[in-house]
Amino acid sequence: MMEIEEPTPEPSGFGKIWKSVKTKYRFLVFIMTIGALFTDMSSRVGIPLAMIGGMVKSNCTDPNDEGEFCWSENFKAALLGAYFYGYTLQIVVITVAKKIGFNLMMRITVLLSAVIQLTFPVVIIFSPTLAVVLQALRGFSAGVIMGNNMEVARKWGIGLEGRQFISCIGMTTQFSMGAGPLLGGLITTSIGWRYYFYINGAAFVLISFLLVIFIPNSPLESWAMCAEEKRMFEEKLDTAKLNSTAAVNSNKTMSVKTMLSKLYAWAFSLYMMCQVFQFYGTIMNTPFYLNDILKAPPTLLSYLQLGLGIVASVSTYGFALILPKLDKRMSWLKCRMMFLLVPMLVRTVVFSIFPQVSNLPAAVALLVVKMISYATTFSGSIVTANYEMDPVNSAMILGMFNSFGQSCGFLSPMVMAWMTTIDKKQLNYTDVLKQRWSYFFYLNAGLGLVAVAVIVASLAVRPGEWKKHHSLVAEDQKRKTGKLGIVVTENRATS
């Protein structure tokens, strides 16, 4: 008599949790990648906090000033901007990473950052000029981090996970803008400015170790991934191989010359310059306006920075949830155009009316609206569209438009200082200062209109460039029919 084999019972309790966790090794890769991004983003406030926290004398002629170093204003400006001068060249380092491998470049970058941060408190004593050079070098090498995020999204994401990971990148970026200064300020004021660099450097050492141990060049090379998850990646690669010859050719890495011939890449670059100028006008420059004109206390401004970072981070997550639902209701092009143009127009309106606001609560409310609009950057707007239009080359194109965009990271404060610096002895000083600030805000509003015009012109001139990549279209089609690897696997696990 034939014996009937009883089905294996489904695990319950901790066993069910473990089964779910062990098939999601790729999520550990996502977390480590985000950790590297957060550590780098947080490190950018180290030098400004150190200057405030006792590294530099406020008044070199005051014997009671407890600062350690007496530097000229020009040198302080050079040290503050050194990281960003290097960071604006990220298209170069991403091109190098494409040739030698993003994994290797990331390991070099993180290890280099660890060494520079750990030795900064000593180097700054013996050679301040060398400290500036090393910070510029750190900024240059760190340019690969954002591009590496795009590569991780492409290689390690299954189904919608790559695009969802990009939203997580945005959440981390926005949150670190608020949490970084707060954590750094606590460390600097409690145990001293040197320890901020020691702690930050130790974090880079830890991440360097994790990258070497746990993140291989290809998901299929992972020693810790279970067989079931590897099968998902094998199915993903098999799906990619089913494309036509033309599709295979479009999967190749483009040359720099080809990239520069893409009109949408230039449109993204100009758009990003306008957006970054506005962003720094909001997060870095507007607090000076709130303090000068609306008399906001410095303590409130420090918590406001954290609050705005949290608002942007939560909003990024919210838009990430909304985006798939909108994609089902409208075409890909209409949806991405909406996310590119509407938030920019919202900021244009807010910047236009901001100078007319005369009370602090209303001004804060407008800042919140602006930060919510910035949240679309990684959830439907420029970074998402860039990835979806060409996943293989998205890191290079991001390096191009982010290089242009980050130049406004130091241009915006310079323009603000030039437009709002007046003699305090001048007659009607407050009124004149407020008028100068209004010009700065109107400039930001005008840049919003320029960004909108650039995107619309790019679409009108070369509409063929504005389409979702064939590989993502194929994934979407298979997801709808239930044939994508991750869907089938999860259905088996729960059937």
Foldseek 3Di string as FASTA:
>chain_A
DDDDDDDDDFDDDVSNVVVVVQLPLLVVVLVLLLLVVLLVLLCLCLLVLQCVLAQEFPDPVDPPTRHDDHDDPVLSVLQNCLLLLLQLQLLVLQVVCVVVPLLVLLLVLLLLLLVLLLCLVVCCVVPVVVNSVSSNVSSNSCNSSVLVLLVSLVQSPFQCSSLVSLLVSLLSNLQSQQVSVVVQNVCCNPPHSSVSSNVSSVSSVVSSVCSVQAPDRHPCPGPSRDPLSNVLSVLLVVLQVPDDPVLVVLLDADDPVVLVVQLVLVLLLLLLQLVLLVVCCLLPVVVVVCCQQQVDDPVVNSVLSNVLSNLLSVLSNVLQVCQVVVVVVDPLLVQLLCLAQVLLLLLLVLLLCLLVDRHDVVNSVSSSSNSSSVSCCSRRYDLSQLCQLHSSHSSSSCSSSVSSNSVSVVVSVVVLCVQQDDDPPDPPNNVSNSVSVSVSSNVSSVSSVVSSVSVVVSCVVCVVSRDGRPSSVSSVVCVVVQNNSVSVSVVVSVD
